[in-house]
């Protein structure tokens, strides 16, 4: 049998999806969001986070309709292809890859920074590169093994965050949290959008393993919604707790704000400080590992559809994983972490994310109109209001990021323009249309 004909293995249950969903995102509670304090202060970032939380609640409840109606490893790419044809799929696929491929090196750098915090003799970049190699190898073992690893890491990460909140809560002071709360006014709230999004970014990656889910219709909805509720509680609790134990100016530019905040309270040599820095690696590992799963499935789906080289769609016969997609993603991630710092990686990833959310909500409206009789095991509640709210908030976030971070926005859209030009100049769009018609 040809490698291209080997199917992905159906092995995932709701608890795996919950673990993958929470695991994809939970590193956002460990680092990245604190950069928002540098542009907005504590209250400014909190306001931005509440707005973005509303975006994710309305988006995920709407997005789940698409995921259950079209369970495909391509996720947003597959929905946009059915709704808008090859160009819409190109935009969705490109944005999704940018979101996931740039999130991964950001997390790798945080892993390196946490390791360096514990062992100052270990270089950050070296630890980051070793992380990429190690977890790519784990993913090559197979999806069920990778999902169980993700479950264990996620449970440990959640336990660590709950313990962290319990330790720092007695030291919380409202006057500390309200210290210089909005130094840049309402403009800071909009500048903080990418760092608020970072608390939830990549959650929609659960869609990329939809083809590997048992009883996918019910399991996907359960996995998504339980993951979102878990992440909301953790995100707000961690942000408020940390903001109340140390002035934000001492934490707004670090890749390890949690152990540093404990060090400021208890002392750097305190045993609890060392323990939290060590256990804090679990949250980073959970996200890092989960995003590797999802970007490899996105590359697999894009290659299978003809948007990327066909070799990336090859699946190993024994483990049934897209091995060339896993290897290519790791190489691209290593190059990105060598060229960009954590803050830039976070912003580029979140620009990709909001473009995914915009094209996904537009796809939802288009499919409701053009395919009213499509089987929809889960329908978006309060339609059309939920998807409209999600769409408008995503547009607002994109405009804010283009205004405050124009060079990074230019990089994102220049890349899209170059790829679209190649796509049409080579006639790939015609081949994909013919394939889609044949499939139907």
Protein backbone atom coordinates (compact mmCIF):
# COMPACT_ATOMS: atom_id res chain seq x y z
CA UNK A 1 0.00 0.00 0.00
CA UNK A 2 1.26 3.50 -0.81
CA UNK A 3 1.99 5.74 2.16
CA UNK A 4 -0.44 8.31 0.84
CA UNK A 5 -3.27 5.81 1.18
CA UNK A 6 -2.72 5.10 4.88
CA UNK A 7 -5.48 6.72 6.94
CA UNK A 8 -5.13 8.55 10.24
CA UNK A 9 -5.98 6.36 13.22
CA UNK A 10 -9.26 6.90 15.13
CA UNK A 11 -8.20 6.64 18.78
CA UNK A 12 -9.25 9.82 20.61
CA UNK A 13 -12.04 10.23 23.20
CA UNK A 14 -13.51 13.39 24.85
CA UNK A 15 -10.96 13.29 27.67
CA UNK A 16 -8.14 13.27 25.09
CA UNK A 17 -9.72 16.25 23.31
CA UNK A 18 -10.09 18.12 26.61
CA UNK A 19 -6.42 17.38 27.35
CA UNK A 20 -5.31 18.42 23.86
CA UNK A 21 -7.47 21.59 24.00
CA UNK A 22 -6.27 22.68 27.44
CA UNK A 23 -2.78 21.45 26.70
CA UNK A 24 -2.58 23.47 23.47
CA UNK A 25 -3.29 26.68 25.36
CA UNK A 26 -2.14 26.26 28.95
CA UNK A 27 1.36 27.58 28.30
CA UNK A 28 -0.37 30.92 27.73
CA UNK A 29 -0.95 31.05 31.47
CA UNK A 30 2.78 30.52 32.13
CA UNK A 31 4.22 33.29 29.92
CA UNK A 32 3.44 35.68 27.09
CA UNK A 33 0.34 37.34 28.54
CA UNK A 34 2.54 39.42 30.89
CA UNK A 35 3.93 41.34 27.91
CA UNK A 36 0.49 42.94 27.87
CA UNK A 37 1.25 44.67 31.17
CA UNK A 38 4.05 46.57 29.42
CA UNK A 39 1.58 48.17 27.00
CA UNK A 40 -1.58 48.34 29.16
CA UNK A 41 -0.90 47.86 32.90
CA UNK A 42 -2.82 45.41 35.08
CA UNK A 43 -6.34 46.79 34.63
CA UNK A 44 -5.78 47.55 30.94
CA UNK A 45 -4.76 43.95 30.26
CA UNK A 46 -7.62 42.64 32.41
CA UNK A 47 -10.15 44.62 30.34
CA UNK A 48 -8.57 43.35 27.11
CA UNK A 49 -8.71 39.78 28.47
CA UNK A 50 -12.40 40.03 29.37
CA UNK A 51 -13.17 41.25 25.84
CA UNK A 52 -11.10 38.43 24.31
CA UNK A 53 -12.75 35.89 26.63
CA UNK A 54 -16.10 36.96 25.15
CA UNK A 55 -14.59 36.53 21.68
CA UNK A 56 -13.52 32.95 22.48
CA UNK A 57 -16.80 31.93 24.09
CA UNK A 58 -18.83 33.10 21.10
CA UNK A 59 -16.24 31.81 18.62
CA UNK A 60 -15.76 28.31 20.06
CA UNK A 61 -19.52 27.68 20.42
CA UNK A 62 -19.89 28.73 16.75
CA UNK A 63 -16.75 26.99 15.52
CA UNK A 64 -17.84 23.68 17.04
CA UNK A 65 -20.67 23.59 14.49
CA UNK A 66 -18.11 23.62 11.69
CA UNK A 67 -15.85 21.05 13.36
CA UNK A 68 -18.63 18.52 13.92
CA UNK A 69 -20.23 19.10 10.49
CA UNK A 70 -16.90 18.76 8.64
CA UNK A 71 -14.52 16.62 10.76
CA UNK A 72 -11.35 17.10 8.75
CA UNK A 73 -7.67 17.35 9.72
CA UNK A 74 -7.52 20.63 7.79
CA UNK A 75 -9.85 22.37 10.26
CA UNK A 76 -10.51 25.98 9.13
CA UNK A 77 -8.88 25.24 5.77
CA UNK A 78 -11.48 22.53 5.05
CA UNK A 79 -14.40 24.76 6.08
CA UNK A 80 -13.18 27.69 3.96
CA UNK A 81 -12.61 25.38 0.97
CA UNK A 82 -16.21 24.22 1.04
CA UNK A 83 -17.52 27.76 1.64
CA UNK A 84 -15.29 29.93 -0.57
CA UNK A 85 -13.27 27.60 -2.79
CA UNK A 86 -9.48 27.48 -3.23
CA UNK A 87 -8.70 31.13 -2.37
CA UNK A 88 -10.65 31.05 0.89
CA UNK A 89 -8.95 27.78 1.77
CA UNK A 90 -5.55 29.30 0.97
CA UNK A 91 -6.16 32.22 3.36
CA UNK A 92 -7.40 29.92 6.14
CA UNK A 93 -4.60 27.38 5.68
CA UNK A 94 -1.89 30.05 5.59
CA UNK A 95 -3.24 31.85 8.67
CA UNK A 96 -3.56 28.60 10.61
CA UNK A 97 0.01 27.60 9.80
CA UNK A 98 1.32 31.04 10.86
CA UNK A 99 -0.64 30.78 14.12
CA UNK A 100 0.68 27.35 15.05
CA UNK A 101 4.14 27.44 13.53
CA UNK A 102 5.00 30.73 15.30
CA UNK A 103 3.37 29.77 18.60
CA UNK A 104 5.61 26.71 18.85
CA UNK A 105 9.01 28.50 18.80
CA UNK A 106 7.63 31.06 21.28
CA UNK A 107 6.86 28.20 23.68
CA UNK A 108 10.22 26.61 22.91
CA UNK A 109 11.97 29.84 23.94
CA UNK A 110 9.93 29.88 27.16
CA UNK A 111 10.97 26.27 27.81
CA UNK A 112 14.56 27.35 27.32
CA UNK A 113 14.07 30.33 29.64
CA UNK A 114 12.50 28.20 32.41
CA UNK A 115 15.36 25.71 32.06
CA UNK A 116 17.89 28.56 32.20
CA UNK A 117 16.15 29.94 35.32
CA UNK A 118 16.72 26.58 37.00
CA UNK A 119 20.16 25.88 35.51
CA UNK A 120 21.85 29.17 34.51
CA UNK A 121 24.66 27.28 32.76
CA UNK A 122 22.23 25.92 30.13
CA UNK A 123 21.86 28.33 27.14
CA UNK A 124 18.25 29.29 26.36
CA UNK A 125 18.48 28.68 22.60
CA UNK A 126 20.15 25.28 23.00
CA UNK A 127 17.43 24.10 25.41
CA UNK A 128 14.79 25.39 22.96
CA UNK A 129 16.24 23.46 20.00
CA UNK A 130 16.60 20.26 22.04
CA UNK A 131 12.93 20.62 23.03
CA UNK A 132 11.89 20.71 19.36
CA UNK A 133 13.85 17.56 18.56
CA UNK A 134 12.66 15.62 21.62
CA UNK A 135 8.93 16.31 21.27
CA UNK A 136 8.91 15.79 17.53
CA UNK A 137 10.34 12.32 18.21
CA UNK A 138 7.59 11.65 20.79
CA UNK A 139 4.93 12.63 18.23
CA UNK A 140 6.43 10.22 15.72
CA UNK A 141 5.47 7.35 18.06
CA UNK A 142 1.76 7.66 17.21
CA UNK A 143 -1.34 9.76 18.00
CA UNK A 144 -2.68 7.63 20.87
CA UNK A 145 0.68 7.63 22.64
CA UNK A 146 1.06 11.36 21.98
CA UNK A 147 -2.45 12.08 23.28
CA UNK A 148 -1.87 10.14 26.51
CA UNK A 149 1.38 12.02 27.03
CA UNK A 150 -0.54 15.27 26.47
CA UNK A 151 -3.18 14.18 29.01
CA UNK A 152 -0.59 13.49 31.71
CA UNK A 153 1.26 16.78 31.08
CA UNK A 154 -2.00 18.76 31.08
CA UNK A 155 -3.24 17.30 34.36
CA UNK A 156 0.13 18.05 35.99
CA UNK A 157 0.09 21.60 34.58
CA UNK A 158 -3.41 22.29 35.90
CA UNK A 159 -2.46 20.92 39.31
CA UNK A 160 0.62 23.14 39.35
CA UNK A 161 -1.40 26.25 38.52
CA UNK A 162 -3.96 25.49 41.22
CA UNK A 163 -1.14 25.00 43.73
CA UNK A 164 0.51 28.22 42.51
CA UNK A 165 -2.70 30.19 43.07
CA UNK A 166 -3.02 28.65 46.53
CA UNK A 167 0.52 29.68 47.47
CA UNK A 168 0.37 33.27 46.18
CA UNK A 169 -3.24 34.08 47.20
CA UNK A 170 -2.31 34.91 50.84
CA UNK A 171 0.21 37.47 49.51
CA UNK A 172 -2.29 39.17 47.17
CA UNK A 173 -2.75 42.91 47.79
CA UNK A 174 -5.29 44.99 45.93
CA UNK A 175 -3.09 48.08 46.15
CA UNK A 176 -0.34 46.14 44.35
CA UNK A 177 -2.72 45.07 41.59
CA UNK A 178 -4.02 48.65 41.24
CA UNK A 179 -0.50 50.12 41.07
CA UNK A 180 -0.32 52.18 37.84
CA UNK A 181 -3.29 50.18 36.47
CA UNK A 182 -3.77 51.83 33.04
CA UNK A 183 -0.64 53.88 32.26
CA UNK A 184 -1.46 54.14 28.56
CA UNK A 185 -5.22 54.66 28.85
CA UNK A 186 -7.69 52.96 26.54
CA UNK A 187 -5.13 52.80 23.75
CA UNK A 188 -3.21 50.35 25.91
CA UNK A 189 -6.25 48.06 26.06
CA UNK A 190 -6.15 47.67 22.27
CA UNK A 191 -2.34 47.32 22.23
CA UNK A 192 -2.73 44.45 24.72
CA UNK A 193 -5.05 42.45 22.44
CA UNK A 194 -2.42 39.98 21.15
CA UNK A 195 -1.28 39.17 24.69
CA UNK A 196 -4.85 38.61 25.86
CA UNK A 197 -5.42 36.35 22.84
CA UNK A 198 -2.29 34.43 23.83
CA UNK A 199 -4.18 33.16 26.90
CA UNK A 200 -6.47 31.18 24.55
CA UNK A 201 -4.63 31.00 21.22
CA UNK A 202 -4.53 27.65 19.36
CA UNK A 203 -7.62 26.25 21.17
CA UNK A 204 -9.28 25.70 17.80
CA UNK A 205 -6.42 23.29 17.05
CA UNK A 206 -8.61 20.52 18.45
CA UNK A 207 -10.26 20.58 15.01
CA UNK A 208 -7.05 19.30 13.42
CA UNK A 209 -7.40 15.90 15.12
CA UNK A 210 -11.10 15.56 14.21
CA UNK A 211 -10.36 12.67 11.81
CA UNK A 212 -8.72 10.75 14.68
CA UNK A 213 -11.70 10.94 17.08
CA UNK A 214 -14.00 8.05 17.98
CA UNK A 215 -17.68 9.10 17.80
CA UNK A 216 -16.42 12.50 16.69
CA UNK A 217 -19.79 14.28 16.58
CA UNK A 218 -20.43 14.29 20.34
CA UNK A 219 -16.84 13.97 21.51
CA UNK A 220 -15.61 17.12 19.75
CA UNK A 221 -18.29 19.34 21.31
CA UNK A 222 -17.61 17.93 24.79
CA UNK A 223 -13.86 18.36 24.39
CA UNK A 224 -14.03 21.94 23.13
CA UNK A 225 -16.47 23.31 25.68
CA UNK A 226 -14.90 21.66 28.73
CA UNK A 227 -11.46 22.90 27.63
CA UNK A 228 -12.69 26.47 27.19
CA UNK A 229 -14.29 26.58 30.64
CA UNK A 230 -11.12 25.20 32.25
CA UNK A 231 -8.89 27.74 30.51
CA UNK A 232 -11.08 30.73 31.35
CA UNK A 233 -10.94 30.04 35.08
CA UNK A 234 -7.18 29.43 35.03
CA UNK A 235 -6.36 32.47 32.87
CA UNK A 236 -8.21 34.99 35.01
CA UNK A 237 -7.06 33.44 38.30
CA UNK A 238 -3.37 33.44 37.34
CA UNK A 239 -3.37 36.96 35.90
CA UNK A 240 -5.10 38.50 38.91
CA UNK A 241 -3.02 36.52 41.43
CA UNK A 242 0.33 37.47 39.91
CA UNK A 243 -0.72 41.10 39.50
CA UNK A 244 -1.48 41.31 43.21
CA UNK A 245 1.84 40.05 44.58
CA UNK A 246 4.40 42.14 42.65
CA UNK A 247 4.40 45.38 40.64
CA UNK A 248 3.86 44.58 36.99
CA UNK A 249 6.92 46.59 35.89
CA UNK A 250 9.16 43.86 37.34
CA UNK A 251 7.45 41.06 35.38
CA UNK A 252 6.26 42.53 32.06
CA UNK A 253 9.24 41.48 29.93
CA UNK A 254 10.07 37.98 31.17
CA UNK A 255 9.43 34.52 29.72
CA UNK A 256 9.09 33.07 33.25
CA UNK A 257 6.74 35.42 35.21
CA UNK A 258 5.34 32.74 37.55
CA UNK A 259 8.58 31.52 39.17
CA UNK A 260 9.91 35.09 39.18
CA UNK A 261 6.79 36.36 40.96
CA UNK A 262 7.20 33.69 43.63
CA UNK A 263 10.90 34.55 43.87
CA UNK A 264 9.98 38.19 44.56
CA UNK A 265 7.70 37.09 47.41
CA UNK A 266 9.54 34.11 48.91
CA UNK A 267 13.10 34.61 47.67
CA UNK A 268 14.91 33.08 44.68
CA UNK A 269 16.54 30.38 46.79
CA UNK A 270 13.32 29.29 48.47
CA UNK A 271 12.49 25.64 47.81
CA UNK A 272 8.98 26.56 46.60
CA UNK A 273 10.47 28.89 43.99
CA UNK A 274 12.62 26.07 42.61
CA UNK A 275 9.73 23.60 42.68
CA UNK A 276 7.42 25.92 40.74
CA UNK A 277 10.06 26.63 38.13
CA UNK A 278 10.55 22.87 37.70
CA UNK A 279 6.88 21.92 37.66
CA UNK A 280 6.11 24.94 35.49
CA UNK A 281 7.78 23.10 32.66
CA UNK A 282 4.75 20.77 32.53
CA UNK A 283 2.46 23.52 31.25
CA UNK A 284 4.92 24.57 28.58
CA UNK A 285 5.50 20.95 27.55
CA UNK A 286 1.74 20.29 27.33
CA UNK A 287 1.21 23.18 24.89
CA UNK A 288 4.39 22.58 22.96
CA UNK A 289 3.52 18.92 22.47
CA UNK A 290 -0.12 19.62 21.59
CA UNK A 291 0.68 22.28 19.01
CA UNK A 292 3.16 19.96 17.31
CA UNK A 293 0.27 17.49 16.91
CA UNK A 294 -1.97 20.14 15.36
CA UNK A 295 0.41 21.88 12.99
CA UNK A 296 1.53 18.53 11.61
CA UNK A 297 -2.12 17.62 10.86
CA UNK A 298 -2.68 21.01 9.23
CA UNK A 299 0.36 20.55 6.98
CA UNK A 300 -0.80 16.98 6.23
CA UNK A 301 -4.26 18.24 5.19
CA UNK A 302 -2.88 21.09 3.07
CA UNK A 303 -0.46 18.72 1.32
CA UNK A 304 -3.21 16.14 0.77
CA UNK A 305 -5.31 18.85 -0.90
CA UNK A 306 -2.45 20.05 -3.10
CA UNK A 307 -1.57 23.32 -1.32
CA UNK A 308 1.79 22.02 -0.07
CA UNK A 309 4.21 19.43 -1.52
CA UNK A 310 2.56 16.01 -1.62
CA UNK A 311 5.38 14.46 0.38
CA UNK A 312 4.10 16.23 3.51
CA UNK A 313 0.92 14.14 3.33
CA UNK A 314 2.77 10.84 3.72
CA UNK A 315 1.63 8.81 6.74
CA UNK A 316 3.78 6.13 8.37
CA UNK A 317 2.31 2.63 8.00
CA UNK A 318 2.87 1.47 11.57
CA UNK A 319 2.35 4.58 13.71
CA UNK A 320 -0.04 6.20 11.21
CA UNK A 321 1.31 9.73 11.74
CA UNK A 322 2.29 12.34 9.10
CA UNK A 323 6.03 12.02 9.65
CA UNK A 324 7.34 14.46 6.99
CA UNK A 325 4.93 17.15 8.23
CA UNK A 326 6.24 16.66 11.78
CA UNK A 327 9.86 16.96 10.66
CA UNK A 328 9.26 19.98 8.39
CA UNK A 329 7.36 21.82 11.14
CA UNK A 330 10.20 21.29 13.58
CA UNK A 331 12.78 22.65 11.13
CA UNK A 332 10.68 25.75 10.42
CA UNK A 333 10.14 26.33 14.14
CA UNK A 334 13.86 26.14 14.89
CA UNK A 335 14.59 28.71 12.17
CA UNK A 336 11.88 31.03 13.57
CA UNK A 337 13.20 30.92 17.15
CA UNK A 338 16.69 31.78 15.86
CA UNK A 339 15.38 34.83 13.96
CA UNK A 340 12.66 36.33 16.22
CA UNK A 341 12.19 37.05 19.93
CA UNK A 342 9.28 35.78 22.03
CA UNK A 343 7.20 38.96 21.85
CA UNK A 344 7.32 39.10 18.03
CA UNK A 345 6.50 35.39 17.78
CA UNK A 346 3.46 35.87 20.06
CA UNK A 347 2.15 38.79 17.99
CA UNK A 348 2.62 37.01 14.64
CA UNK A 349 0.89 33.92 16.01
CA UNK A 350 -2.09 35.92 17.26
CA UNK A 351 -2.42 37.83 13.96
CA UNK A 352 -2.70 34.46 12.25
CA UNK A 353 -5.25 33.38 14.86
CA UNK A 354 -7.67 36.28 14.38
CA UNK A 355 -7.53 35.87 10.59
CA UNK A 356 -8.49 32.21 11.15
CA UNK A 357 -11.40 33.30 13.34
CA UNK A 358 -12.61 35.81 10.76
CA UNK A 359 -12.52 33.37 7.81
CA UNK A 360 -14.10 30.64 9.96
CA UNK A 361 -17.08 32.78 10.99
CA UNK A 362 -17.54 33.94 7.39
CA UNK A 363 -17.48 30.26 6.36
CA UNK A 364 -20.15 29.47 8.95
CA UNK A 365 -22.49 32.10 7.50
CA UNK A 366 -21.78 31.03 3.92
CA UNK A 367 -22.36 27.33 4.62
CA UNK A 368 -25.60 28.06 6.49
CA UNK A 369 -26.79 29.91 3.40
CA UNK A 370 -25.49 27.59 0.65
CA UNK A 371 -25.88 24.23 2.41
CA UNK A 372 -28.91 24.55 4.70
CA UNK A 373 -29.48 20.77 4.77
CA UNK A 374 -25.92 19.80 5.73
CA UNK A 375 -25.83 17.51 8.77
CA UNK A 376 -24.93 19.64 11.79
CA UNK A 377 -24.69 17.49 14.96
CA UNK A 378 -23.91 20.64 16.98
CA UNK A 379 -25.45 23.96 16.00
CA UNK A 380 -24.11 27.33 17.12
CA UNK A 381 -26.35 28.60 19.96
CA UNK A 382 -28.06 31.98 19.58
CA UNK A 383 -27.32 32.00 15.84
CA UNK A 384 -26.60 34.46 14.22
CA UNK A 385 -25.68 36.55 17.29
CA UNK A 386 -22.81 34.43 18.63
CA UNK A 387 -20.93 34.22 15.31
CA UNK A 388 -21.60 37.92 14.63
CA UNK A 389 -20.12 38.90 18.00
CA UNK A 390 -17.11 36.63 17.39
CA UNK A 391 -16.59 38.06 13.89
CA UNK A 392 -16.78 41.70 15.01
CA UNK A 393 -14.45 41.18 17.98
CA UNK A 394 -11.94 39.33 15.79
CA UNK A 395 -12.03 42.18 13.25
CA UNK A 396 -11.50 44.70 16.06
CA UNK A 397 -8.51 42.73 17.38
CA UNK A 398 -6.97 42.48 13.89
CA UNK A 399 -7.32 46.23 13.28
CA UNK A 400 -5.78 46.97 16.69
CA UNK A 401 -2.78 44.71 16.01
CA UNK A 402 -2.26 46.17 12.53
CA UNK A 403 -2.27 49.66 14.09
CA UNK A 404 0.07 48.98 17.02
CA UNK A 405 2.35 46.40 15.34
CA UNK A 406 2.33 47.44 11.65
CA UNK A 407 5.64 45.82 10.66
CA UNK A 408 4.58 42.42 11.91
CA UNK A 409 1.22 42.84 10.19
CA UNK A 410 3.06 43.73 6.99
CA UNK A 411 5.17 40.57 7.27
CA UNK A 412 2.03 38.45 7.70
CA UNK A 413 0.09 39.89 4.77
CA UNK A 414 3.14 40.15 2.49
CA UNK A 415 3.68 36.43 2.99
CA UNK A 416 0.03 35.77 2.15
CA UNK A 417 0.26 37.91 -1.02
CA UNK A 418 3.40 36.11 -2.21
CA UNK A 419 1.89 32.66 -1.63
CA UNK A 420 -1.40 33.65 -3.32
CA UNK A 421 0.52 34.93 -6.35
CA UNK A 422 2.44 31.66 -6.66
CA UNK A 423 -0.79 29.73 -6.12
CA UNK A 424 -2.53 31.35 -9.08
CA UNK A 425 0.53 31.75 -11.32
CA UNK A 426 1.21 28.00 -11.20
CA UNK A 427 -2.41 27.04 -11.84
CA UNK A 428 -2.72 25.19 -8.52
CA UNK A 429 -6.16 26.68 -7.93
CA UNK A 430 -7.53 24.96 -11.06
CA UNK A 431 -6.14 21.59 -9.99
CA UNK A 432 -7.73 21.93 -6.57
CA UNK A 433 -11.09 22.92 -8.03
CA UNK A 434 -10.99 19.87 -10.31
CA UNK A 435 -10.10 17.63 -7.36
CA UNK A 436 -12.94 19.08 -5.30
CA UNK A 437 -15.45 18.51 -8.09
CA UNK A 438 -14.21 14.91 -8.56
CA UNK A 439 -14.49 14.26 -4.81
CA UNK A 440 -18.08 15.50 -4.76
